[in-house]
Amino acid sequence: MKTKKIEKTVTKAGVIMLCLMTLIGILGVFDMVCNLDIFPTAAGKNAFTIFSLILCVLVLSCVMVATMLNIPRIANSIEELAERYTTL
């Protein structure tokens, strides 16, 4: 698989999980503020917390993978900038 395709896939997955995590967070805050008991039992609230934490770890992993795949591009950009400004 090409690096660009992996990066694109990881970025899409990260954005989707981030949107899902945002939706779950909004739902959780709305549940606490309005006392709707969307998650009525303690087990439901624990499952909500665990699922949110897993999503958070996965989103951070996606960001790290995307960053690692872009390190050569970042290094080349820095090198070009250094060459451009040292010749002035």
PDB file of N, CA and C in Angstrom:
ATOM      1  N   MET A   1       0.834  -1.179   0.000  1.00  0.00           N
ATOM      2  CA  MET A   1       0.000   0.000   0.000  1.00  0.00           C
ATOM      3  C   MET A   1       0.878   1.241   0.000  1.00  0.00           C
ATOM      4  N   LYS A   2       0.488   2.221  -0.748  1.00  0.00           N
ATOM      5  CA  LYS A   2       1.279   3.444  -0.798  1.00  0.00           C
ATOM      6  C   LYS A   2       1.075   4.257   0.471  1.00  0.00           C
ATOM      7  N   THR A   3       2.079   5.040   0.776  1.00  0.00           N
ATOM      8  CA  THR A   3       2.034   5.876   1.974  1.00  0.00           C
ATOM      9  C   THR A   3       0.894   6.880   1.901  1.00  0.00           C
ATOM     10  N   LYS A   4       0.688   7.458   0.729  1.00  0.00           N
ATOM     11  CA  LYS A   4      -0.367   8.467   0.572  1.00  0.00           C
ATOM     12  C   LYS A   4      -1.745   7.855   0.834  1.00  0.00           C
ATOM     13  N   LYS A   5      -1.959   6.620   0.353  1.00  0.00           N
ATOM     14  CA  LYS A   5      -3.245   5.956   0.550  1.00  0.00           C
ATOM     15  C   LYS A   5      -3.459   5.609   2.027  1.00  0.00           C
ATOM     16  N   ILE A   6      -2.404   5.155   2.686  1.00  0.00           N
ATOM     17  CA  ILE A   6      -2.503   4.855   4.120  1.00  0.00           C
ATOM     18  C   ILE A   6      -2.816   6.125   4.899  1.00  0.00           C
ATOM     19  N   GLU A   7      -2.113   7.205   4.545  1.00  0.00           N
ATOM     20  CA  GLU A   7      -2.351   8.480   5.229  1.00  0.00           C
ATOM     21  C   GLU A   7      -3.792   8.949   5.047  1.00  0.00           C
ATOM     22  N   LYS A   8      -4.297   8.829   3.830  1.00  0.00           N
ATOM     23  CA  LYS A   8      -5.664   9.258   3.545  1.00  0.00           C
ATOM     24  C   LYS A   8      -6.671   8.415   4.327  1.00  0.00           C
ATOM     25  N   THR A   9      -6.450   7.111   4.394  1.00  0.00           N
ATOM     26  CA  THR A   9      -7.344   6.208   5.127  1.00  0.00           C
ATOM     27  C   THR A   9      -7.322   6.501   6.626  1.00  0.00           C
ATOM     28  N   VAL A  10      -6.114   6.682   7.161  1.00  0.00           N
ATOM     29  CA  VAL A  10      -5.978   6.968   8.595  1.00  0.00           C
ATOM     30  C   VAL A  10      -6.620   8.309   8.939  1.00  0.00           C
ATOM     31  N   THR A  11      -6.455   9.291   8.081  1.00  0.00           N
ATOM     32  CA  THR A  11      -7.041  10.606   8.329  1.00  0.00           C
ATOM     33  C   THR A  11      -8.566  10.541   8.300  1.00  0.00           C
ATOM     34  N   LYS A  12      -9.122   9.822   7.322  1.00  0.00           N
ATOM     35  CA  LYS A  12     -10.580   9.672   7.264  1.00  0.00           C
ATOM     36  C   LYS A  12     -11.110   8.967   8.500  1.00  0.00           C
ATOM     37  N   ALA A  13     -10.430   7.890   8.910  1.00  0.00           N
ATOM     38  CA  ALA A  13     -10.865   7.154  10.099  1.00  0.00           C
ATOM     39  C   ALA A  13     -10.792   8.049  11.338  1.00  0.00           C
ATOM     40  N   GLY A  14      -9.729   8.840  11.447  1.00  0.00           N
ATOM     41  CA  GLY A  14      -9.588   9.750  12.585  1.00  0.00           C
ATOM     42  C   GLY A  14     -10.678  10.800  12.634  1.00  0.00           C
ATOM     43  N   VAL A  15     -11.013  11.355  11.472  1.00  0.00           N
ATOM     44  CA  VAL A  15     -12.067  12.380  11.427  1.00  0.00           C
ATOM     45  C   VAL A  15     -13.422  11.766  11.786  1.00  0.00           C
ATOM     46  N   ILE A  16     -13.706  10.577  11.275  1.00  0.00           N
ATOM     47  CA  ILE A  16     -14.975   9.918  11.594  1.00  0.00           C
ATOM     48  C   ILE A  16     -15.063   9.618  13.083  1.00  0.00           C
ATOM     49  N   MET A  17     -13.986   9.094  13.660  1.00  0.00           N
ATOM     50  CA  MET A  17     -14.001   8.799  15.098  1.00  0.00           C
ATOM     51  C   MET A  17     -14.090  10.068  15.926  1.00  0.00           C
ATOM     52  N   LEU A  18     -13.438  11.139  15.475  1.00  0.00           N
ATOM     53  CA  LEU A  18     -13.515  12.407  16.195  1.00  0.00           C
ATOM     54  C   LEU A  18     -14.933  12.956  16.183  1.00  0.00           C
ATOM     55  N   CYS A  19     -15.616  12.841  15.042  1.00  0.00           N
ATOM     56  CA  CYS A  19     -17.016  13.277  14.962  1.00  0.00           C
ATOM     57  C   CYS A  19     -17.896  12.431  15.873  1.00  0.00           C
ATOM     58  N   LEU A  20     -17.653  11.135  15.888  1.00  0.00           N
ATOM     59  CA  LEU A  20     -18.420  10.244  16.760  1.00  0.00           C
ATOM     60  C   LEU A  20     -18.170  10.568  18.228  1.00  0.00           C
ATOM     61  N   MET A  21     -16.909  10.846  18.558  1.00  0.00           N
ATOM     62  CA  MET A  21     -16.575  11.192  19.932  1.00  0.00           C
ATOM     63  C   MET A  21     -17.224  12.524  20.329  1.00  0.00           C
ATOM     64  N   THR A  22     -17.271  13.473  19.418  1.00  0.00           N
ATOM     65  CA  THR A  22     -17.926  14.753  19.687  1.00  0.00           C
ATOM     66  C   THR A  22     -19.416  14.561  19.911  1.00  0.00           C
ATOM     67  N   LEU A  23     -20.033  13.749  19.082  1.00  0.00           N
ATOM     68  CA  LEU A  23     -21.461  13.460  19.233  1.00  0.00           C
ATOM     69  C   LEU A  23     -21.751  12.790  20.579  1.00  0.00           C
ATOM     70  N   ILE A  24     -20.931  11.839  20.957  1.00  0.00           N
ATOM     71  CA  ILE A  24     -21.114  11.162  22.243  1.00  0.00           C
ATOM     72  C   ILE A  24     -20.902  12.140  23.394  1.00  0.00           C
ATOM     73  N   GLY A  25     -19.913  13.024  23.263  1.00  0.00           N
ATOM     74  CA  GLY A  25     -19.669  14.021  24.305  1.00  0.00           C
ATOM     75  C   GLY A  25     -20.831  14.981  24.460  1.00  0.00           C
ATOM     76  N   ILE A  26     -21.372  15.448  23.342  1.00  0.00           N
ATOM     77  CA  ILE A  26     -22.535  16.340  23.393  1.00  0.00           C
ATOM     78  C   ILE A  26     -23.723  15.627  24.023  1.00  0.00           C
ATOM     79  N   LEU A  27     -23.922  14.372  23.645  1.00  0.00           N
ATOM     80  CA  LEU A  27     -25.010  13.585  24.211  1.00  0.00           C
ATOM     81  C   LEU A  27     -24.835  13.401  25.717  1.00  0.00           C
ATOM     82  N   GLY A  28     -23.595  13.149  26.153  1.00  0.00           N
ATOM     83  CA  GLY A  28     -23.325  12.986  27.581  1.00  0.00           C
ATOM     84  C   GLY A  28     -23.554  14.270  28.368  1.00  0.00           C
ATOM     85  N   VAL A  29     -23.110  15.408  27.829  1.00  0.00           N
ATOM     86  CA  VAL A  29     -23.321  16.689  28.516  1.00  0.00           C
ATOM     87  C   VAL A  29     -24.810  17.025  28.557  1.00  0.00           C
ATOM     88  N   PHE A  30     -25.509  16.806  27.447  1.00  0.00           N
ATOM     89  CA  PHE A  30     -26.940  17.042  27.393  1.00  0.00           C
ATOM     90  C   PHE A  30     -27.673  16.161  28.410  1.00  0.00           C
ATOM     91  N   ASP A  31     -27.204  14.926  28.561  1.00  0.00           N
ATOM     92  CA  ASP A  31     -27.787  14.001  29.528  1.00  0.00           C
ATOM     93  C   ASP A  31     -27.592  14.499  30.962  1.00  0.00           C
ATOM     94  N   MET A  32     -26.388  15.016  31.254  1.00  0.00           N
ATOM     95  CA  MET A  32     -26.116  15.500  32.613  1.00  0.00           C
ATOM     96  C   MET A  32     -26.878  16.784  32.916  1.00  0.00           C
ATOM     97  N   VAL A  33     -26.927  17.701  31.959  1.00  0.00           N
ATOM     98  CA  VAL A  33     -27.558  19.000  32.194  1.00  0.00           C
ATOM     99  C   VAL A  33     -29.073  18.862  32.347  1.00  0.00           C
ATOM    100  N   CYS A  34     -29.685  18.073  31.477  1.00  0.00           N
ATOM    101  CA  CYS A  34     -31.150  17.966  31.469  1.00  0.00           C
ATOM    102  C   CYS A  34     -31.686  16.799  32.292  1.00  0.00           C
ATOM    103  N   ASN A  35     -30.792  16.013  32.890  1.00  0.00           N
ATOM    104  CA  ASN A  35     -31.199  14.841  33.680  1.00  0.00           C
ATOM    105  C   ASN A  35     -32.169  13.934  32.917  1.00  0.00           C
ATOM    106  N   LEU A  36     -31.805  13.583  31.700  1.00  0.00           N
ATOM    107  CA  LEU A  36     -32.669  12.745  30.874  1.00  0.00           C
ATOM    108  C   LEU A  36     -32.496  11.258  31.154  1.00  0.00           C
ATOM    109  N   ASP A  37     -31.411  10.880  31.790  1.00  0.00           N
ATOM    110  CA  ASP A  37     -31.093   9.477  32.058  1.00  0.00           C
ATOM    111  C   ASP A  37     -31.078   8.655  30.772  1.00  0.00           C
ATOM    112  N   ILE A  38     -30.334   9.149  29.784  1.00  0.00           N
ATOM    113  CA  ILE A  38     -30.141   8.397  28.551  1.00  0.00           C
ATOM    114  C   ILE A  38     -29.373   7.121  28.867  1.00  0.00           C
ATOM    115  N   PHE A  39     -28.433   7.230  29.791  1.00  0.00           N
ATOM    116  CA  PHE A  39     -27.695   6.082  30.290  1.00  0.00           C
ATOM    117  C   PHE A  39     -28.138   5.851  31.736  1.00  0.00           C
ATOM    118  N   PRO A  40     -29.245   5.141  31.962  1.00  0.00           N
ATOM    119  CA  PRO A  40     -29.856   5.116  33.285  1.00  0.00           C
ATOM    120  C   PRO A  40     -29.058   4.376  34.356  1.00  0.00           C
ATOM    121  N   THR A  41     -28.352   3.333  34.006  1.00  0.00           N
ATOM    122  CA  THR A  41     -27.659   2.560  35.035  1.00  0.00           C
ATOM    123  C   THR A  41     -26.196   2.980  35.110  1.00  0.00           C
ATOM    124  N   ALA A  42     -25.566   2.566  36.199  1.00  0.00           N
ATOM    125  CA  ALA A  42     -24.140   2.848  36.357  1.00  0.00           C
ATOM    126  C   ALA A  42     -23.334   2.094  35.298  1.00  0.00           C
ATOM    127  N   ALA A  43     -23.798   0.909  34.931  1.00  0.00           N
ATOM    128  CA  ALA A  43     -23.103   0.131  33.903  1.00  0.00           C
ATOM    129  C   ALA A  43     -23.162   0.859  32.558  1.00  0.00           C
ATOM    130  N   GLY A  44     -24.279   1.480  32.264  1.00  0.00           N
ATOM    131  CA  GLY A  44     -24.405   2.248  31.026  1.00  0.00           C
ATOM    132  C   GLY A  44     -23.480   3.447  31.002  1.00  0.00           C
ATOM    133  N   LYS A  45     -23.373   4.115  32.144  1.00  0.00           N
ATOM    134  CA  LYS A  45     -22.481   5.270  32.230  1.00  0.00           C
ATOM    135  C   LYS A  45     -21.021   4.835  32.147  1.00  0.00           C
ATOM    136  N   ASN A  46     -20.694   3.684  32.756  1.00  0.00           N
ATOM    137  CA  ASN A  46     -19.331   3.166  32.666  1.00  0.00           C
ATOM    138  C   ASN A  46     -19.000   2.762  31.231  1.00  0.00           C
ATOM    139  N   ALA A  47     -19.948   2.139  30.545  1.00  0.00           N
ATOM    140  CA  ALA A  47     -19.741   1.744  29.154  1.00  0.00           C
ATOM    141  C   ALA A  47     -19.537   2.992  28.289  1.00  0.00           C
ATOM    142  N   PHE A  48     -20.304   4.030  28.555  1.00  0.00           N
ATOM    143  CA  PHE A  48     -20.173   5.305  27.846  1.00  0.00           C
ATOM    144  C   PHE A  48     -18.771   5.880  28.045  1.00  0.00           C
ATOM    145  N   THR A  49     -18.278   5.861  29.268  1.00  0.00           N
ATOM    146  CA  THR A  49     -16.952   6.391  29.580  1.00  0.00           C
ATOM    147  C   THR A  49     -15.863   5.569  28.908  1.00  0.00           C
ATOM    148  N   ILE A  50     -15.968   4.255  28.998  1.00  0.00           N
ATOM    149  CA  ILE A  50     -14.960   3.378  28.404  1.00  0.00           C
ATOM    150  C   ILE A  50     -14.937   3.536  26.890  1.00  0.00           C
ATOM    151  N   PHE A  51     -16.107   3.590  26.263  1.00  0.00           N
ATOM    152  CA  PHE A  51     -16.180   3.767  24.814  1.00  0.00           C
ATOM    153  C   PHE A  51     -15.577   5.104  24.401  1.00  0.00           C
ATOM    154  N   SER A  52     -15.834   6.151  25.178  1.00  0.00           N
ATOM    155  CA  SER A  52     -15.274   7.467  24.875  1.00  0.00           C
ATOM    156  C   SER A  52     -13.752   7.452  24.994  1.00  0.00           C
ATOM    157  N   LEU A  53     -13.237   6.791  26.012  1.00  0.00           N
ATOM    158  CA  LEU A  53     -11.787   6.720  26.194  1.00  0.00           C
ATOM    159  C   LEU A  53     -11.120   5.916  25.076  1.00  0.00           C
ATOM    160  N   ILE A  54     -11.755   4.834  24.656  1.00  0.00           N
ATOM    161  CA  ILE A  54     -11.216   4.038  23.553  1.00  0.00           C
ATOM    162  C   ILE A  54     -11.189   4.870  22.278  1.00  0.00           C
ATOM    163  N   LEU A  55     -12.264   5.610  22.014  1.00  0.00           N
ATOM    164  CA  LEU A  55     -12.285   6.478  20.835  1.00  0.00           C
ATOM    165  C   LEU A  55     -11.192   7.542  20.914  1.00  0.00           C
ATOM    166  N   CYS A  56     -10.968   8.086  22.093  1.00  0.00           N
ATOM    167  CA  CYS A  56      -9.941   9.105  22.278  1.00  0.00           C
ATOM    168  C   CYS A  56      -8.554   8.532  21.955  1.00  0.00           C
ATOM    169  N   VAL A  57      -8.270   7.340  22.443  1.00  0.00           N
ATOM    170  CA  VAL A  57      -6.988   6.692  22.178  1.00  0.00           C
ATOM    171  C   VAL A  57      -6.835   6.416  20.677  1.00  0.00           C
ATOM    172  N   LEU A  58      -7.903   5.958  20.038  1.00  0.00           N
ATOM    173  CA  LEU A  58      -7.835   5.682  18.601  1.00  0.00           C
ATOM    174  C   LEU A  58      -7.626   6.953  17.782  1.00  0.00           C
ATOM    175  N   VAL A  59      -8.270   8.041  18.167  1.00  0.00           N
ATOM    176  CA  VAL A  59      -8.081   9.311  17.450  1.00  0.00           C
ATOM    177  C   VAL A  59      -6.643   9.796  17.613  1.00  0.00           C
ATOM    178  N   LEU A  60      -6.110   9.717  18.819  1.00  0.00           N
ATOM    179  CA  LEU A  60      -4.723  10.128  19.041  1.00  0.00           C
ATOM    180  C   LEU A  60      -3.756   9.241  18.263  1.00  0.00           C
ATOM    181  N   SER A  61      -4.068   7.958  18.163  1.00  0.00           N
ATOM    182  CA  SER A  61      -3.237   7.050  17.371  1.00  0.00           C
ATOM    183  C   SER A  61      -3.270   7.427  15.898  1.00  0.00           C
ATOM    184  N   CYS A  62      -4.433   7.773  15.396  1.00  0.00           N
ATOM    185  CA  CYS A  62      -4.542   8.202  13.996  1.00  0.00           C
ATOM    186  C   CYS A  62      -3.728   9.459  13.740  1.00  0.00           C
ATOM    187  N   VAL A  63      -3.753  10.390  14.666  1.00  0.00           N
ATOM    188  CA  VAL A  63      -2.977  11.624  14.515  1.00  0.00           C
ATOM    189  C   VAL A  63      -1.487  11.310  14.503  1.00  0.00           C
ATOM    190  N   MET A  64      -1.065  10.411  15.385  1.00  0.00           N
ATOM    191  CA  MET A  64       0.356  10.052  15.436  1.00  0.00           C
ATOM    192  C   MET A  64       0.806   9.336  14.168  1.00  0.00           C
ATOM    193  N   VAL A  65      -0.014   8.423  13.658  1.00  0.00           N
ATOM    194  CA  VAL A  65       0.342   7.709  12.432  1.00  0.00           C
ATOM    195  C   VAL A  65       0.420   8.677  11.260  1.00  0.00           C
ATOM    196  N   ALA A  66      -0.550   9.573  11.154  1.00  0.00           N
ATOM    197  CA  ALA A  66      -0.531  10.554  10.069  1.00  0.00           C
ATOM    198  C   ALA A  66       0.696  11.456  10.167  1.00  0.00           C
ATOM    199  N   THR A  67       1.069  11.828  11.372  1.00  0.00           N
ATOM    200  CA  THR A  67       2.261  12.658  11.564  1.00  0.00           C
ATOM    201  C   THR A  67       3.520  11.894  11.173  1.00  0.00           C
ATOM    202  N   MET A  68       3.613  10.641  11.592  1.00  0.00           N
ATOM    203  CA  MET A  68       4.794   9.845  11.258  1.00  0.00           C
ATOM    204  C   MET A  68       4.907   9.627   9.750  1.00  0.00           C
ATOM    205  N   LEU A  69       3.787   9.452   9.074  1.00  0.00           N
ATOM    206  CA  LEU A  69       3.835   9.263   7.627  1.00  0.00           C
ATOM    207  C   LEU A  69       4.213  10.544   6.891  1.00  0.00           C
ATOM    208  N   ASN A  70       4.005  11.684   7.527  1.00  0.00           N
ATOM    209  CA  ASN A  70       4.321  12.967   6.893  1.00  0.00           C
ATOM    210  C   ASN A  70       5.683  13.520   7.284  1.00  0.00           C
ATOM    211  N   ILE A  71       6.424  12.834   8.121  1.00  0.00           N
ATOM    212  CA  ILE A  71       7.731  13.339   8.558  1.00  0.00           C
ATOM    213  C   ILE A  71       8.679  13.583   7.387  1.00  0.00           C
ATOM    214  N   PRO A  72       8.768  12.680   6.393  1.00  0.00           N
ATOM    215  CA  PRO A  72       9.663  12.992   5.265  1.00  0.00           C
ATOM    216  C   PRO A  72       9.252  14.258   4.507  1.00  0.00           C
ATOM    217  N   ARG A  73       7.970  14.472   4.329  1.00  0.00           N
ATOM    218  CA  ARG A  73       7.491  15.666   3.640  1.00  0.00           C
ATOM    219  C   ARG A  73       7.814  16.921   4.457  1.00  0.00           C
ATOM    220  N   ILE A  74       7.642  16.840   5.779  1.00  0.00           N
ATOM    221  CA  ILE A  74       7.960  17.969   6.652  1.00  0.00           C
ATOM    222  C   ILE A  74       9.456  18.269   6.600  1.00  0.00           C
ATOM    223  N   ALA A  75      10.275  17.221   6.631  1.00  0.00           N
ATOM    224  CA  ALA A  75      11.727  17.404   6.581  1.00  0.00           C
ATOM    225  C   ALA A  75      12.151  18.037   5.260  1.00  0.00           C
ATOM    226  N   ASN A  76      11.555  17.606   4.164  1.00  0.00           N
ATOM    227  CA  ASN A  76      11.889  18.200   2.862  1.00  0.00           C
ATOM    228  C   ASN A  76      11.487  19.666   2.803  1.00  0.00           C
ATOM    229  N   SER A  77      10.340  20.002   3.368  1.00  0.00           N
ATOM    230  CA  SER A  77       9.902  21.403   3.387  1.00  0.00           C
ATOM    231  C   SER A  77      10.848  22.267   4.210  1.00  0.00           C
ATOM    232  N   ILE A  78      11.279  21.756   5.352  1.00  0.00           N
ATOM    233  CA  ILE A  78      12.211  22.506   6.200  1.00  0.00           C
ATOM    234  C   ILE A  78      13.547  22.686   5.481  1.00  0.00           C
ATOM    235  N   GLU A  79      13.983  21.632   4.789  1.00  0.00           N
ATOM    236  CA  GLU A  79      15.238  21.719   4.044  1.00  0.00           C
ATOM    237  C   GLU A  79      15.147  22.753   2.923  1.00  0.00           C
ATOM    238  N   GLU A  80      14.030  22.787   2.204  1.00  0.00           N
ATOM    239  CA  GLU A  80      13.850  23.775   1.147  1.00  0.00           C
ATOM    240  C   GLU A  80      13.821  25.190   1.706  1.00  0.00           C
ATOM    241  N   LEU A  81      13.149  25.361   2.849  1.00  0.00           N
ATOM    242  CA  LEU A  81      13.123  26.685   3.477  1.00  0.00           C
ATOM    243  C   LEU A  81      14.518  27.113   3.914  1.00  0.00           C
ATOM    244  N   ALA A  82      15.286  26.170   4.466  1.00  0.00           N
ATOM    245  CA  ALA A  82      16.639  26.497   4.906  1.00  0.00           C
ATOM    246  C   ALA A  82      17.520  26.883   3.720  1.00  0.00           C
ATOM    247  N   GLU A  83      17.393  26.171   2.611  1.00  0.00           N
ATOM    248  CA  GLU A  83      18.180  26.505   1.434  1.00  0.00           C
ATOM    249  C   GLU A  83      17.773  27.861   0.861  1.00  0.00           C
ATOM    250  N   ARG A  84      16.485  28.120   0.878  1.00  0.00           N
ATOM    251  CA  ARG A  84      15.998  29.390   0.330  1.00  0.00           C
ATOM    252  C   ARG A  84      16.496  30.578   1.136  1.00  0.00           C
ATOM    253  N   TYR A  85      16.491  30.464   2.465  1.00  0.00           N
ATOM    254  CA  TYR A  85      16.852  31.606   3.300  1.00  0.00           C
ATOM    255  C   TYR A  85      18.362  31.706   3.545  1.00  0.00           C
ATOM    256  N   THR A  86      19.113  30.634   3.302  1.00  0.00           N
ATOM    257  CA  THR A  86      20.560  30.754   3.480  1.00  0.00           C
ATOM    258  C   THR A  86      21.210  31.337   2.239  1.00  0.00           C
ATOM    259  N   THR A  87      20.523  31.319   1.112  1.00  0.00           N
ATOM    260  CA  THR A  87      21.094  31.883  -0.113  1.00  0.00           C
ATOM    261  C   THR A  87      20.789  33.376  -0.253  1.00  0.00           C
ATOM    262  N   LEU A  88      20.029  33.952   0.662  1.00  0.00           N
ATOM    263  CA  LEU A  88      19.707  35.390   0.586  1.00  0.00           C
ATOM    264  C   LEU A  88      20.830  36.244   0.995  1.00  0.00           C
TER     265      LEU A  88
END
